[in-house]
Amino acid sequence: MEFGDKVTEALGSEVVDTHFYKLCEKENINDIHHFREGFKLGVQLMLEVFSTQ
């Protein structure tokens, strides 16, 4: 029996599914945050390039 199976057996599939869902949700929030920060940096760099020409 693998570790994941033991955890599911001990806690129940509903708890494991809920935990996994929350981890995925957190990861999506981090992805959105990193995308937004990268986009803002890209815009700042483009504005800097265009303002020096």
N, C-alpha and C. Protein backbone atom coordinates (compact mmCIF):
# COMPACT_ATOMS: atom_id res chain seq x y z
N MET A 1 0.85 -1.18 0.00
CA MET A 1 0.00 0.00 0.00
C MET A 1 0.90 1.25 0.00
N GLU A 2 0.59 2.18 -0.88
CA GLU A 2 1.38 3.41 -0.98
C GLU A 2 0.97 4.41 0.10
N PHE A 3 1.81 5.41 0.28
CA PHE A 3 1.57 6.42 1.31
C PHE A 3 0.22 7.12 1.09
N GLY A 4 -0.06 7.50 -0.15
CA GLY A 4 -1.32 8.19 -0.45
C GLY A 4 -2.53 7.34 -0.10
N ASP A 5 -2.43 6.06 -0.35
CA ASP A 5 -3.52 5.15 -0.01
C ASP A 5 -3.71 5.06 1.50
N LYS A 6 -2.60 5.04 2.23
CA LYS A 6 -2.67 4.99 3.69
C LYS A 6 -3.31 6.26 4.25
N VAL A 7 -2.93 7.39 3.69
CA VAL A 7 -3.51 8.66 4.13
C VAL A 7 -5.01 8.68 3.85
N THR A 8 -5.39 8.26 2.65
CA THR A 8 -6.81 8.22 2.28
C THR A 8 -7.59 7.28 3.19
N GLU A 9 -7.00 6.16 3.51
CA GLU A 9 -7.65 5.20 4.39
C GLU A 9 -7.82 5.77 5.80
N ALA A 10 -6.81 6.50 6.27
CA ALA A 10 -6.85 7.04 7.63
C ALA A 10 -7.79 8.24 7.75
N LEU A 11 -7.77 9.12 6.74
CA LEU A 11 -8.53 10.37 6.84
C LEU A 11 -9.85 10.34 6.09
N GLY A 12 -9.94 9.51 5.09
CA GLY A 12 -11.14 9.47 4.25
C GLY A 12 -10.92 10.23 2.96
N SER A 13 -11.57 9.77 1.93
CA SER A 13 -11.35 10.38 0.61
C SER A 13 -11.88 11.80 0.54
N GLU A 14 -12.92 12.12 1.29
CA GLU A 14 -13.47 13.48 1.25
C GLU A 14 -12.46 14.49 1.79
N VAL A 15 -11.79 14.15 2.87
CA VAL A 15 -10.78 15.05 3.46
C VAL A 15 -9.61 15.21 2.50
N VAL A 16 -9.15 14.12 1.92
CA VAL A 16 -8.03 14.18 0.98
C VAL A 16 -8.41 15.00 -0.25
N ASP A 17 -9.60 14.79 -0.78
CA ASP A 17 -10.05 15.54 -1.95
C ASP A 17 -10.16 17.03 -1.64
N THR A 18 -10.70 17.36 -0.47
CA THR A 18 -10.82 18.76 -0.06
C THR A 18 -9.45 19.41 0.07
N HIS A 19 -8.52 18.69 0.70
CA HIS A 19 -7.17 19.22 0.87
C HIS A 19 -6.51 19.43 -0.49
N PHE A 20 -6.63 18.47 -1.39
CA PHE A 20 -6.05 18.58 -2.73
C PHE A 20 -6.66 19.76 -3.48
N TYR A 21 -7.97 19.94 -3.37
CA TYR A 21 -8.65 21.06 -4.03
C TYR A 21 -8.10 22.38 -3.52
N LYS A 22 -7.92 22.48 -2.19
CA LYS A 22 -7.40 23.73 -1.61
C LYS A 22 -5.97 23.99 -2.06
N LEU A 23 -5.16 22.94 -2.17
CA LEU A 23 -3.80 23.11 -2.67
C LEU A 23 -3.81 23.61 -4.11
N CYS A 24 -4.68 23.06 -4.93
CA CYS A 24 -4.78 23.50 -6.33
C CYS A 24 -5.26 24.94 -6.41
N GLU A 25 -6.22 25.28 -5.57
CA GLU A 25 -6.74 26.65 -5.55
C GLU A 25 -5.63 27.63 -5.16
N LYS A 26 -4.83 27.27 -4.16
CA LYS A 26 -3.72 28.11 -3.73
C LYS A 26 -2.70 28.26 -4.86
N GLU A 27 -2.40 27.19 -5.55
CA GLU A 27 -1.45 27.23 -6.65
C GLU A 27 -1.96 28.15 -7.77
N ASN A 28 -3.25 28.10 -8.06
CA ASN A 28 -3.83 28.98 -9.08
C ASN A 28 -3.71 30.44 -8.67
N ILE A 29 -3.91 30.72 -7.38
CA ILE A 29 -3.78 32.10 -6.90
C ILE A 29 -2.34 32.57 -7.07
N ASN A 30 -1.38 31.69 -6.75
CA ASN A 30 0.03 32.05 -6.93
C ASN A 30 0.34 32.29 -8.40
N ASP A 31 -0.21 31.47 -9.29
CA ASP A 31 0.02 31.65 -10.72
C ASP A 31 -0.51 33.00 -11.19
N ILE A 32 -1.70 33.37 -10.72
CA ILE A 32 -2.29 34.65 -11.10
C ILE A 32 -1.43 35.80 -10.58
N HIS A 33 -0.96 35.67 -9.34
CA HIS A 33 -0.11 36.71 -8.75
C HIS A 33 1.18 36.88 -9.56
N HIS A 34 1.84 35.77 -9.89
CA HIS A 34 3.09 35.86 -10.66
C HIS A 34 2.86 36.41 -12.05
N PHE A 35 1.75 36.02 -12.69
CA PHE A 35 1.43 36.56 -14.01
C PHE A 35 1.24 38.07 -13.92
N ARG A 36 0.48 38.52 -12.92
CA ARG A 36 0.20 39.95 -12.78
C ARG A 36 1.49 40.74 -12.54
N GLU A 37 2.36 40.23 -11.66
CA GLU A 37 3.62 40.92 -11.39
C GLU A 37 4.51 40.96 -12.63
N GLY A 38 4.55 39.86 -13.38
CA GLY A 38 5.34 39.83 -14.60
C GLY A 38 4.79 40.77 -15.66
N PHE A 39 3.47 40.85 -15.75
CA PHE A 39 2.84 41.75 -16.71
C PHE A 39 3.16 43.20 -16.36
N LYS A 40 3.05 43.55 -15.08
CA LYS A 40 3.36 44.92 -14.66
C LYS A 40 4.82 45.27 -14.96
N LEU A 41 5.73 44.32 -14.72
CA LEU A 41 7.14 44.55 -15.03
C LEU A 41 7.33 44.76 -16.53
N GLY A 42 6.68 43.94 -17.34
CA GLY A 42 6.78 44.09 -18.79
C GLY A 42 6.29 45.44 -19.27
N VAL A 43 5.18 45.90 -18.71
CA VAL A 43 4.64 47.21 -19.09
C VAL A 43 5.60 48.32 -18.67
N GLN A 44 6.15 48.21 -17.48
CA GLN A 44 7.11 49.22 -17.02
C GLN A 44 8.33 49.28 -17.93
N LEU A 45 8.83 48.12 -18.33
CA LEU A 45 10.00 48.09 -19.22
C LEU A 45 9.67 48.68 -20.58
N MET A 46 8.49 48.37 -21.13
CA MET A 46 8.10 48.93 -22.43
C MET A 46 7.94 50.44 -22.33
N LEU A 47 7.33 50.92 -21.25
CA LEU A 47 7.17 52.37 -21.09
C LEU A 47 8.52 53.06 -20.96
N GLU A 48 9.45 52.41 -20.28
CA GLU A 48 10.79 52.99 -20.15
C GLU A 48 11.49 53.07 -21.50
N VAL A 49 11.36 52.03 -22.31
CA VAL A 49 11.98 52.02 -23.63
C VAL A 49 11.37 53.10 -24.50
N PHE A 50 10.06 53.22 -24.51
CA PHE A 50 9.41 54.21 -25.36
C PHE A 50 9.62 55.63 -24.88
N SER A 51 9.84 55.83 -23.60
CA SER A 51 10.05 57.18 -23.08
C SER A 51 11.45 57.70 -23.35
N THR A 52 12.39 56.77 -23.64
CA THR A 52 13.78 57.21 -23.90
C THR A 52 14.04 57.43 -25.39
N GLN A 53 13.06 57.15 -26.24
CA GLN A 53 13.27 57.32 -27.69
C GLN A 53 12.83 58.69 -28.13
